[in-house]
């Protein structure tokens, strides 16, 4: 279920505040990262503008990073993967701003 008030900026803030506690079970981690991926899909569906191919590429890369997080089950450095994803999303946000395209999801 997507929150209609979600923006890319809010996704980035949620990711920056994301912590993986020792008590957190794997299915909960997957659910959170899958939600991030769905939000990115919603964002891309309404995209238009001059930076579309670059943004599409970066969204694909960010989703691949999230897949690494999901598939790692703790073996992969979760925080490092999340930080890499955040960097990609910040790049995407900058391209959206250059394109003049709203990052509001609806």
PDB file of N, CA and C in Angstrom:
ATOM      1  N   UNK A   1       0.843  -1.179   0.000  1.00  0.00           N
ATOM      2  CA  UNK A   1       0.000   0.000   0.000  1.00  0.00           C
ATOM      3  C   UNK A   1       0.891   1.245   0.000  1.00  0.00           C
ATOM      4  N   UNK A   2       0.840   2.049  -1.002  1.00  0.00           N
ATOM      5  CA  UNK A   2       1.688   3.239  -1.086  1.00  0.00           C
ATOM      6  C   UNK A   2       1.039   4.425  -0.397  1.00  0.00           C
ATOM      7  N   UNK A   3       1.870   5.163   0.297  1.00  0.00           N
ATOM      8  CA  UNK A   3       1.404   6.381   0.946  1.00  0.00           C
ATOM      9  C   UNK A   3       1.427   7.485  -0.103  1.00  0.00           C
ATOM     10  N   UNK A   4       0.278   8.108  -0.384  1.00  0.00           N
ATOM     11  CA  UNK A   4       0.208   9.104  -1.451  1.00  0.00           C
ATOM     12  C   UNK A   4       1.035  10.343  -1.130  1.00  0.00           C
ATOM     13  N   UNK A   5       1.402  10.538   0.123  1.00  0.00           N
ATOM     14  CA  UNK A   5       2.194  11.707   0.495  1.00  0.00           C
ATOM     15  C   UNK A   5       3.695  11.440   0.459  1.00  0.00           C
ATOM     16  N   UNK A   6       4.084  10.254   0.032  1.00  0.00           N
ATOM     17  CA  UNK A   6       5.496   9.903   0.017  1.00  0.00           C
ATOM     18  C   UNK A   6       6.214  10.641  -1.105  1.00  0.00           C
ATOM     19  N   UNK A   7       7.377  11.157  -0.789  1.00  0.00           N
ATOM     20  CA  UNK A   7       8.243  11.762  -1.795  1.00  0.00           C
ATOM     21  C   UNK A   7       9.581  11.049  -1.751  1.00  0.00           C
ATOM     22  N   UNK A   8      10.377  11.248  -2.783  1.00  0.00           N
ATOM     23  CA  UNK A   8      11.714  10.667  -2.803  1.00  0.00           C
ATOM     24  C   UNK A   8      12.522  11.164  -1.611  1.00  0.00           C
ATOM     25  N   UNK A   9      12.352  12.425  -1.256  1.00  0.00           N
ATOM     26  CA  UNK A   9      13.060  12.978  -0.096  1.00  0.00           C
ATOM     27  C   UNK A   9      12.719  12.195   1.170  1.00  0.00           C
ATOM     28  N   UNK A  10      11.440  11.831   1.310  1.00  0.00           N
ATOM     29  CA  UNK A  10      11.014  11.073   2.494  1.00  0.00           C
ATOM     30  C   UNK A  10      11.589   9.655   2.487  1.00  0.00           C
ATOM     31  N   UNK A  11      11.667   9.044   1.317  1.00  0.00           N
ATOM     32  CA  UNK A  11      12.277   7.713   1.224  1.00  0.00           C
ATOM     33  C   UNK A  11      13.734   7.793   1.671  1.00  0.00           C
ATOM     34  N   UNK A  12      14.452   8.804   1.187  1.00  0.00           N
ATOM     35  CA  UNK A  12      15.860   8.963   1.566  1.00  0.00           C
ATOM     36  C   UNK A  12      15.985   9.134   3.072  1.00  0.00           C
ATOM     37  N   UNK A  13      15.130   9.955   3.666  1.00  0.00           N
ATOM     38  CA  UNK A  13      15.187  10.154   5.121  1.00  0.00           C
ATOM     39  C   UNK A  13      14.875   8.857   5.868  1.00  0.00           C
ATOM     40  N   UNK A  14      13.892   8.092   5.381  1.00  0.00           N
ATOM     41  CA  UNK A  14      13.580   6.799   6.022  1.00  0.00           C
ATOM     42  C   UNK A  14      14.777   5.865   5.944  1.00  0.00           C
ATOM     43  N   UNK A  15      15.456   5.864   4.801  1.00  0.00           N
ATOM     44  CA  UNK A  15      16.613   4.988   4.662  1.00  0.00           C
ATOM     45  C   UNK A  15      17.760   5.437   5.561  1.00  0.00           C
ATOM     46  N   UNK A  16      17.964   6.742   5.651  1.00  0.00           N
ATOM     47  CA  UNK A  16      19.053   7.248   6.490  1.00  0.00           C
ATOM     48  C   UNK A  16      18.834   6.903   7.962  1.00  0.00           C
ATOM     49  N   UNK A  17      17.577   6.816   8.371  1.00  0.00           N
ATOM     50  CA  UNK A  17      17.291   6.518   9.776  1.00  0.00           C
ATOM     51  C   UNK A  17      17.124   5.014  10.012  1.00  0.00           C
ATOM     52  N   UNK A  18      17.287   4.232   8.968  1.00  0.00           N
ATOM     53  CA  UNK A  18      17.086   2.781   9.037  1.00  0.00           C
ATOM     54  C   UNK A  18      18.212   2.116   9.807  1.00  0.00           C
ATOM     55  N   UNK A  19      17.858   1.349  10.812  1.00  0.00           N
ATOM     56  CA  UNK A  19      18.830   0.584  11.586  1.00  0.00           C
ATOM     57  C   UNK A  19      18.425  -0.885  11.551  1.00  0.00           C
ATOM     58  N   UNK A  20      19.397  -1.744  11.532  1.00  0.00           N
ATOM     59  CA  UNK A  20      19.126  -3.177  11.582  1.00  0.00           C
ATOM     60  C   UNK A  20      19.537  -3.670  12.958  1.00  0.00           C
ATOM     61  N   UNK A  21      18.566  -3.956  13.788  1.00  0.00           N
ATOM     62  CA  UNK A  21      18.871  -4.426  15.140  1.00  0.00           C
ATOM     63  C   UNK A  21      19.080  -5.935  15.128  1.00  0.00           C
ATOM     64  N   UNK A  22      19.783  -6.416  16.130  1.00  0.00           N
ATOM     65  CA  UNK A  22      20.049  -7.852  16.235  1.00  0.00           C
ATOM     66  C   UNK A  22      18.749  -8.644  16.383  1.00  0.00           C
ATOM     67  N   UNK A  23      17.731  -8.000  16.949  1.00  0.00           N
ATOM     68  CA  UNK A  23      16.458  -8.681  17.192  1.00  0.00           C
ATOM     69  C   UNK A  23      15.554  -8.701  15.964  1.00  0.00           C
ATOM     70  N   UNK A  24      15.876  -7.874  14.988  1.00  0.00           N
ATOM     71  CA  UNK A  24      14.992  -7.740  13.828  1.00  0.00           C
ATOM     72  C   UNK A  24      15.060  -9.002  12.970  1.00  0.00           C
ATOM     73  N   UNK A  25      13.907  -9.585  12.690  1.00  0.00           N
ATOM     74  CA  UNK A  25      13.953 -10.820  11.915  1.00  0.00           C
ATOM     75  C   UNK A  25      14.040 -10.525  10.419  1.00  0.00           C
ATOM     76  N   UNK A  26      14.515 -11.524   9.698  1.00  0.00           N
ATOM     77  CA  UNK A  26      14.806 -11.364   8.278  1.00  0.00           C
ATOM     78  C   UNK A  26      13.567 -11.000   7.466  1.00  0.00           C
ATOM     79  N   UNK A  27      12.425 -11.597   7.770  1.00  0.00           N
ATOM     80  CA  UNK A  27      11.217 -11.303   6.990  1.00  0.00           C
ATOM     81  C   UNK A  27      10.806  -9.840   7.140  1.00  0.00           C
ATOM     82  N   UNK A  28      11.068  -9.265   8.309  1.00  0.00           N
ATOM     83  CA  UNK A  28      10.771  -7.846   8.523  1.00  0.00           C
ATOM     84  C   UNK A  28      11.699  -6.979   7.666  1.00  0.00           C
ATOM     85  N   UNK A  29      12.972  -7.343   7.612  1.00  0.00           N
ATOM     86  CA  UNK A  29      13.942  -6.624   6.772  1.00  0.00           C
ATOM     87  C   UNK A  29      13.489  -6.661   5.319  1.00  0.00           C
ATOM     88  N   UNK A  30      13.117  -7.840   4.835  1.00  0.00           N
ATOM     89  CA  UNK A  30      12.676  -7.991   3.445  1.00  0.00           C
ATOM     90  C   UNK A  30      11.459  -7.113   3.177  1.00  0.00           C
ATOM     91  N   UNK A  31      10.505  -7.101   4.087  1.00  0.00           N
ATOM     92  CA  UNK A  31       9.289  -6.300   3.902  1.00  0.00           C
ATOM     93  C   UNK A  31       9.621  -4.821   3.765  1.00  0.00           C
ATOM     94  N   UNK A  32      10.538  -4.333   4.580  1.00  0.00           N
ATOM     95  CA  UNK A  32      10.920  -2.914   4.522  1.00  0.00           C
ATOM     96  C   UNK A  32      11.611  -2.592   3.200  1.00  0.00           C
ATOM     97  N   UNK A  33      12.572  -3.413   2.805  1.00  0.00           N
ATOM     98  CA  UNK A  33      13.314  -3.139   1.567  1.00  0.00           C
ATOM     99  C   UNK A  33      12.411  -3.313   0.344  1.00  0.00           C
ATOM    100  N   UNK A  34      11.497  -4.262   0.383  1.00  0.00           N
ATOM    101  CA  UNK A  34      10.548  -4.426  -0.727  1.00  0.00           C
ATOM    102  C   UNK A  34       9.667  -3.186  -0.853  1.00  0.00           C
ATOM    103  N   UNK A  35       9.280  -2.593   0.266  1.00  0.00           N
ATOM    104  CA  UNK A  35       8.478  -1.355   0.245  1.00  0.00           C
ATOM    105  C   UNK A  35       9.272  -0.236  -0.423  1.00  0.00           C
ATOM    106  N   UNK A  36      10.563  -0.123  -0.102  1.00  0.00           N
ATOM    107  CA  UNK A  36      11.402   0.885  -0.761  1.00  0.00           C
ATOM    108  C   UNK A  36      11.390   0.656  -2.276  1.00  0.00           C
ATOM    109  N   UNK A  37      11.524  -0.600  -2.706  1.00  0.00           N
ATOM    110  CA  UNK A  37      11.534  -0.901  -4.138  1.00  0.00           C
ATOM    111  C   UNK A  37      10.207  -0.518  -4.793  1.00  0.00           C
ATOM    112  N   UNK A  38       9.087  -0.813  -4.133  1.00  0.00           N
ATOM    113  CA  UNK A  38       7.771  -0.453  -4.681  1.00  0.00           C
ATOM    114  C   UNK A  38       7.627   1.058  -4.795  1.00  0.00           C
ATOM    115  N   UNK A  39       8.104   1.779  -3.778  1.00  0.00           N
ATOM    116  CA  UNK A  39       8.043   3.242  -3.831  1.00  0.00           C
ATOM    117  C   UNK A  39       8.843   3.772  -5.020  1.00  0.00           C
ATOM    118  N   UNK A  40       9.996   3.179  -5.286  1.00  0.00           N
ATOM    119  CA  UNK A  40      10.810   3.606  -6.431  1.00  0.00           C
ATOM    120  C   UNK A  40      10.079   3.335  -7.744  1.00  0.00           C
ATOM    121  N   UNK A  41       9.398   2.199  -7.833  1.00  0.00           N
ATOM    122  CA  UNK A  41       8.627   1.891  -9.043  1.00  0.00           C
ATOM    123  C   UNK A  41       7.522   2.917  -9.268  1.00  0.00           C
ATOM    124  N   UNK A  42       6.813   3.268  -8.201  1.00  0.00           N
ATOM    125  CA  UNK A  42       5.738   4.267  -8.295  1.00  0.00           C
ATOM    126  C   UNK A  42       6.310   5.596  -8.767  1.00  0.00           C
ATOM    127  N   UNK A  43       7.447   5.967  -8.209  1.00  0.00           N
ATOM    128  CA  UNK A  43       8.089   7.227  -8.572  1.00  0.00           C
ATOM    129  C   UNK A  43       8.448   7.234 -10.056  1.00  0.00           C
ATOM    130  N   UNK A  44       8.997   6.126 -10.547  1.00  0.00           N
ATOM    131  CA  UNK A  44       9.442   6.087 -11.932  1.00  0.00           C
ATOM    132  C   UNK A  44       8.272   6.081 -12.905  1.00  0.00           C
ATOM    133  N   UNK A  45       7.152   5.481 -12.539  1.00  0.00           N
ATOM    134  CA  UNK A  45       6.000   5.383 -13.443  1.00  0.00           C
ATOM    135  C   UNK A  45       5.532   6.741 -13.948  1.00  0.00           C
ATOM    136  N   UNK A  46       5.687   7.786 -13.146  1.00  0.00           N
ATOM    137  CA  UNK A  46       5.177   9.099 -13.548  1.00  0.00           C
ATOM    138  C   UNK A  46       6.281  10.015 -14.086  1.00  0.00           C
ATOM    139  N   UNK A  47       7.439   9.445 -14.307  1.00  0.00           N
ATOM    140  CA  UNK A  47       8.595  10.244 -14.700  1.00  0.00           C
ATOM    141  C   UNK A  47       8.517  10.713 -16.149  1.00  0.00           C
ATOM    142  N   UNK A  48       8.925  11.944 -16.340  1.00  0.00           N
ATOM    143  CA  UNK A  48       9.110  12.497 -17.682  1.00  0.00           C
ATOM    144  C   UNK A  48      10.239  13.500 -17.583  1.00  0.00           C
ATOM    145  N   UNK A  49      10.794  13.874 -18.699  1.00  0.00           N
ATOM    146  CA  UNK A  49      11.832  14.898 -18.651  1.00  0.00           C
ATOM    147  C   UNK A  49      13.127  14.436 -19.284  1.00  0.00           C
ATOM    148  N   UNK A  50      14.066  15.358 -19.372  1.00  0.00           N
ATOM    149  CA  UNK A  50      15.309  15.149 -20.100  1.00  0.00           C
ATOM    150  C   UNK A  50      16.274  14.160 -19.482  1.00  0.00           C
ATOM    151  N   UNK A  51      16.129  13.840 -18.213  1.00  0.00           N
ATOM    152  CA  UNK A  51      17.090  12.960 -17.553  1.00  0.00           C
ATOM    153  C   UNK A  51      16.530  11.555 -17.359  1.00  0.00           C
ATOM    154  N   UNK A  52      15.505  11.199 -18.141  1.00  0.00           N
ATOM    155  CA  UNK A  52      14.781   9.952 -17.898  1.00  0.00           C
ATOM    156  C   UNK A  52      15.682   8.717 -17.949  1.00  0.00           C
ATOM    157  N   UNK A  53      16.585   8.620 -18.920  1.00  0.00           N
ATOM    158  CA  UNK A  53      17.405   7.413 -19.056  1.00  0.00           C
ATOM    159  C   UNK A  53      18.415   7.297 -17.924  1.00  0.00           C
ATOM    160  N   UNK A  54      19.001   8.416 -17.548  1.00  0.00           N
ATOM    161  CA  UNK A  54      19.955   8.407 -16.440  1.00  0.00           C
ATOM    162  C   UNK A  54      19.253   8.051 -15.130  1.00  0.00           C
ATOM    163  N   UNK A  55      18.066   8.612 -14.925  1.00  0.00           N
ATOM    164  CA  UNK A  55      17.305   8.306 -13.710  1.00  0.00           C
ATOM    165  C   UNK A  55      16.889   6.838 -13.718  1.00  0.00           C
ATOM    166  N   UNK A  56      16.427   6.353 -14.868  1.00  0.00           N
ATOM    167  CA  UNK A  56      16.018   4.952 -14.971  1.00  0.00           C
ATOM    168  C   UNK A  56      17.182   4.031 -14.611  1.00  0.00           C
ATOM    169  N   UNK A  57      18.356   4.344 -15.114  1.00  0.00           N
ATOM    170  CA  UNK A  57      19.542   3.546 -14.824  1.00  0.00           C
ATOM    171  C   UNK A  57      19.864   3.555 -13.333  1.00  0.00           C
ATOM    172  N   UNK A  58      19.803   4.738 -12.728  1.00  0.00           N
ATOM    173  CA  UNK A  58      20.118   4.855 -11.303  1.00  0.00           C
ATOM    174  C   UNK A  58      19.062   4.174 -10.430  1.00  0.00           C
ATOM    175  N   UNK A  59      17.795   4.249 -10.826  1.00  0.00           N
ATOM    176  CA  UNK A  59      16.750   3.549 -10.072  1.00  0.00           C
ATOM    177  C   UNK A  59      16.985   2.038 -10.157  1.00  0.00           C
ATOM    178  N   UNK A  60      17.333   1.561 -11.341  1.00  0.00           N
ATOM    179  CA  UNK A  60      17.635   0.132 -11.488  1.00  0.00           C
ATOM    180  C   UNK A  60      18.796  -0.287 -10.609  1.00  0.00           C
ATOM    181  N   UNK A  61      19.839   0.542 -10.560  1.00  0.00           N
ATOM    182  CA  UNK A  61      21.004   0.239  -9.730  1.00  0.00           C
ATOM    183  C   UNK A  61      20.630   0.253  -8.252  1.00  0.00           C
ATOM    184  N   UNK A  62      19.830   1.240  -7.845  1.00  0.00           N
ATOM    185  CA  UNK A  62      19.397   1.321  -6.444  1.00  0.00           C
ATOM    186  C   UNK A  62      18.579   0.080  -6.072  1.00  0.00           C
ATOM    187  N   UNK A  63      17.723  -0.368  -6.975  1.00  0.00           N
ATOM    188  CA  UNK A  63      16.921  -1.565  -6.693  1.00  0.00           C
ATOM    189  C   UNK A  63      17.811  -2.805  -6.621  1.00  0.00           C
ATOM    190  N   UNK A  64      18.846  -2.868  -7.447  1.00  0.00           N
ATOM    191  CA  UNK A  64      19.786  -3.988  -7.361  1.00  0.00           C
ATOM    192  C   UNK A  64      20.507  -3.990  -6.018  1.00  0.00           C
ATOM    193  N   UNK A  65      20.877  -2.805  -5.541  1.00  0.00           N
ATOM    194  CA  UNK A  65      21.509  -2.712  -4.225  1.00  0.00           C
ATOM    195  C   UNK A  65      20.549  -3.191  -3.136  1.00  0.00           C
ATOM    196  N   UNK A  66      19.281  -2.816  -3.244  1.00  0.00           N
ATOM    197  CA  UNK A  66      18.294  -3.287  -2.267  1.00  0.00           C
ATOM    198  C   UNK A  66      18.134  -4.804  -2.345  1.00  0.00           C
ATOM    199  N   UNK A  67      18.217  -5.361  -3.546  1.00  0.00           N
ATOM    200  CA  UNK A  67      18.158  -6.821  -3.672  1.00  0.00           C
ATOM    201  C   UNK A  67      19.337  -7.478  -2.968  1.00  0.00           C
ATOM    202  N   UNK A  68      20.514  -6.861  -3.062  1.00  0.00           N
ATOM    203  CA  UNK A  68      21.676  -7.382  -2.333  1.00  0.00           C
ATOM    204  C   UNK A  68      21.416  -7.383  -0.834  1.00  0.00           C
ATOM    205  N   UNK A  69      20.825  -6.302  -0.343  1.00  0.00           N
ATOM    206  CA  UNK A  69      20.495  -6.203   1.080  1.00  0.00           C
ATOM    207  C   UNK A  69      19.542  -7.338   1.459  1.00  0.00           C
ATOM    208  N   UNK A  70      18.515  -7.532   0.652  1.00  0.00           N
ATOM    209  CA  UNK A  70      17.499  -8.549   0.939  1.00  0.00           C
ATOM    210  C   UNK A  70      18.101  -9.957   0.904  1.00  0.00           C
ATOM    211  N   UNK A  71      18.933 -10.220  -0.099  1.00  0.00           N
ATOM    212  CA  UNK A  71      19.468 -11.567  -0.286  1.00  0.00           C
ATOM    213  C   UNK A  71      20.611 -11.895   0.664  1.00  0.00           C
ATOM    214  N   UNK A  72      21.182 -10.908   1.300  1.00  0.00           N
ATOM    215  CA  UNK A  72      22.379 -11.117   2.115  1.00  0.00           C
ATOM    216  C   UNK A  72      22.113 -11.910   3.385  1.00  0.00           C
ATOM    217  N   UNK A  73      20.925 -11.739   3.969  1.00  0.00           N
ATOM    218  CA  UNK A  73      20.579 -12.399   5.236  1.00  0.00           C
ATOM    219  C   UNK A  73      21.669 -12.179   6.276  1.00  0.00           C
ATOM    220  N   UNK A  74      22.234 -10.990   6.293  1.00  0.00           N
ATOM    221  CA  UNK A  74      23.226 -10.662   7.313  1.00  0.00           C
ATOM    222  C   UNK A  74      24.657 -10.932   6.885  1.00  0.00           C
ATOM    223  N   UNK A  75      24.850 -11.714   5.815  1.00  0.00           N
ATOM    224  CA  UNK A  75      26.213 -12.029   5.384  1.00  0.00           C
ATOM    225  C   UNK A  75      26.865 -10.818   4.723  1.00  0.00           C
ATOM    226  N   UNK A  76      26.072 -10.023   4.055  1.00  0.00           N
ATOM    227  CA  UNK A  76      26.547  -8.814   3.384  1.00  0.00           C
ATOM    228  C   UNK A  76      26.524  -7.663   4.377  1.00  0.00           C
ATOM    229  N   UNK A  77      27.392  -6.705   4.191  1.00  0.00           N
ATOM    230  CA  UNK A  77      27.411  -5.545   5.095  1.00  0.00           C
ATOM    231  C   UNK A  77      26.170  -4.699   4.839  1.00  0.00           C
ATOM    232  N   UNK A  78      25.165  -4.892   5.667  1.00  0.00           N
ATOM    233  CA  UNK A  78      23.860  -4.249   5.475  1.00  0.00           C
ATOM    234  C   UNK A  78      23.973  -2.735   5.425  1.00  0.00           C
ATOM    235  N   UNK A  79      24.669  -2.160   6.396  1.00  0.00           N
ATOM    236  CA  UNK A  79      24.762  -0.698   6.488  1.00  0.00           C
ATOM    237  C   UNK A  79      25.463  -0.131   5.251  1.00  0.00           C
ATOM    238  N   UNK A  80      26.505  -0.800   4.797  1.00  0.00           N
ATOM    239  CA  UNK A  80      27.235  -0.336   3.611  1.00  0.00           C
ATOM    240  C   UNK A  80      26.328  -0.367   2.373  1.00  0.00           C
ATOM    241  N   UNK A  81      25.561  -1.433   2.234  1.00  0.00           N
ATOM    242  CA  UNK A  81      24.641  -1.533   1.093  1.00  0.00           C
ATOM    243  C   UNK A  81      23.580  -0.445   1.157  1.00  0.00           C
ATOM    244  N   UNK A  82      23.080  -0.195   2.364  1.00  0.00           N
ATOM    245  CA  UNK A  82      22.062   0.835   2.533  1.00  0.00           C
ATOM    246  C   UNK A  82      22.632   2.214   2.204  1.00  0.00           C
ATOM    247  N   UNK A  83      23.856   2.481   2.658  1.00  0.00           N
ATOM    248  CA  UNK A  83      24.490   3.776   2.372  1.00  0.00           C
ATOM    249  C   UNK A  83      24.716   3.952   0.875  1.00  0.00           C
ATOM    250  N   UNK A  84      25.099   2.884   0.185  1.00  0.00           N
ATOM    251  CA  UNK A  84      25.270   2.952  -1.274  1.00  0.00           C
ATOM    252  C   UNK A  84      23.947   3.259  -1.957  1.00  0.00           C
ATOM    253  N   UNK A  85      22.879   2.647  -1.453  1.00  0.00           N
ATOM    254  CA  UNK A  85      21.551   2.895  -2.010  1.00  0.00           C
ATOM    255  C   UNK A  85      21.143   4.345  -1.798  1.00  0.00           C
ATOM    256  N   UNK A  86      21.400   4.864  -0.599  1.00  0.00           N
ATOM    257  CA  UNK A  86      21.066   6.258  -0.291  1.00  0.00           C
ATOM    258  C   UNK A  86      21.795   7.200  -1.244  1.00  0.00           C
ATOM    259  N   UNK A  87      23.070   6.933  -1.496  1.00  0.00           N
ATOM    260  CA  UNK A  87      23.848   7.757  -2.429  1.00  0.00           C
ATOM    261  C   UNK A  87      23.197   7.761  -3.807  1.00  0.00           C
ATOM    262  N   UNK A  88      22.769   6.587  -4.285  1.00  0.00           N
ATOM    263  CA  UNK A  88      22.090   6.504  -5.581  1.00  0.00           C
ATOM    264  C   UNK A  88      20.802   7.320  -5.576  1.00  0.00           C
ATOM    265  N   UNK A  89      20.031   7.201  -4.494  1.00  0.00           N
ATOM    266  CA  UNK A  89      18.762   7.924  -4.423  1.00  0.00           C
ATOM    267  C   UNK A  89      18.978   9.429  -4.364  1.00  0.00           C
ATOM    268  N   UNK A  90      20.036   9.862  -3.702  1.00  0.00           N
ATOM    269  CA  UNK A  90      20.338  11.298  -3.669  1.00  0.00           C
ATOM    270  C   UNK A  90      20.713  11.797  -5.064  1.00  0.00           C
ATOM    271  N   UNK A  91      21.428  10.966  -5.833  1.00  0.00           N
ATOM    272  CA  UNK A  91      21.738  11.311  -7.229  1.00  0.00           C
ATOM    273  C   UNK A  91      20.454  11.400  -8.054  1.00  0.00           C
ATOM    274  N   UNK A  92      19.547  10.445  -7.837  1.00  0.00           N
ATOM    275  CA  UNK A  92      18.263  10.448  -8.543  1.00  0.00           C
ATOM    276  C   UNK A  92      17.483  11.708  -8.197  1.00  0.00           C
ATOM    277  N   UNK A  93      17.456  12.068  -6.923  1.00  0.00           N
ATOM    278  CA  UNK A  93      16.747  13.267  -6.471  1.00  0.00           C
ATOM    279  C   UNK A  93      17.293  14.505  -7.177  1.00  0.00           C
ATOM    280  N   UNK A  94      18.609  14.589  -7.283  1.00  0.00           N
ATOM    281  CA  UNK A  94      19.229  15.739  -7.959  1.00  0.00           C
ATOM    282  C   UNK A  94      18.791  15.808  -9.426  1.00  0.00           C
ATOM    283  N   UNK A  95      18.728  14.650 -10.087  1.00  0.00           N
ATOM    284  CA  UNK A  95      18.293  14.619 -11.487  1.00  0.00           C
ATOM    285  C   UNK A  95      16.820  15.007 -11.621  1.00  0.00           C
ATOM    286  N   UNK A  96      15.991  14.544 -10.692  1.00  0.00           N
ATOM    287  CA  UNK A  96      14.582  14.953 -10.702  1.00  0.00           C
ATOM    288  C   UNK A  96      14.480  16.467 -10.574  1.00  0.00           C
ATOM    289  N   UNK A  97      15.267  17.028  -9.660  1.00  0.00           N
ATOM    290  CA  UNK A  97      15.219  18.478  -9.447  1.00  0.00           C
ATOM    291  C   UNK A  97      15.671  19.225 -10.698  1.00  0.00           C
ATOM    292  N   UNK A  98      16.711  18.725 -11.366  1.00  0.00           N
ATOM    293  CA  UNK A  98      17.179  19.347 -12.615  1.00  0.00           C
ATOM    294  C   UNK A  98      16.109  19.265 -13.698  1.00  0.00           C
ATOM    295  N   UNK A  99      15.342  18.168 -13.695  1.00  0.00           N
ATOM    296  CA  UNK A  99      14.299  17.968 -14.705  1.00  0.00           C
ATOM    297  C   UNK A  99      13.042  18.762 -14.402  1.00  0.00           C
ATOM    298  N   UNK A 100      12.933  19.249 -13.173  1.00  0.00           N
ATOM    299  CA  UNK A 100      11.731  19.964 -12.774  1.00  0.00           C
ATOM    300  C   UNK A 100      10.539  19.044 -12.564  1.00  0.00           C
ATOM    301  N   UNK A 101      10.824  17.757 -12.345  1.00  0.00           N
ATOM    302  CA  UNK A 101       9.763  16.772 -12.151  1.00  0.00           C
ATOM    303  C   UNK A 101       9.521  16.599 -10.661  1.00  0.00           C
ATOM    304  N   UNK A 102       8.260  16.593 -10.266  1.00  0.00           N
ATOM    305  CA  UNK A 102       7.908  16.411  -8.858  1.00  0.00           C
ATOM    306  C   UNK A 102       8.291  15.016  -8.393  1.00  0.00           C
ATOM    307  N   UNK A 103       8.762  14.927  -7.160  1.00  0.00           N
ATOM    308  CA  UNK A 103       9.061  13.614  -6.584  1.00  0.00           C
ATOM    309  C   UNK A 103       7.903  13.119  -5.730  1.00  0.00           C
ATOM    310  N   UNK A 104       6.775  13.809  -5.813  1.00  0.00           N
ATOM    311  CA  UNK A 104       5.569  13.392  -5.073  1.00  0.00           C
ATOM    312  C   UNK A 104       4.995  12.142  -5.716  1.00  0.00           C
ATOM    313  N   UNK A 105       4.703  11.147  -4.924  1.00  0.00           N
ATOM    314  CA  UNK A 105       4.125   9.913  -5.448  1.00  0.00           C
ATOM    315  C   UNK A 105       2.620   9.950  -5.296  1.00  0.00           C
ATOM    316  N   UNK A 106       1.918   9.600  -6.362  1.00  0.00           N
ATOM    317  CA  UNK A 106       0.453   9.609  -6.280  1.00  0.00           C
ATOM    318  C   UNK A 106      -0.121   8.438  -7.036  1.00  0.00           C
TER     319      UNK A 106
END
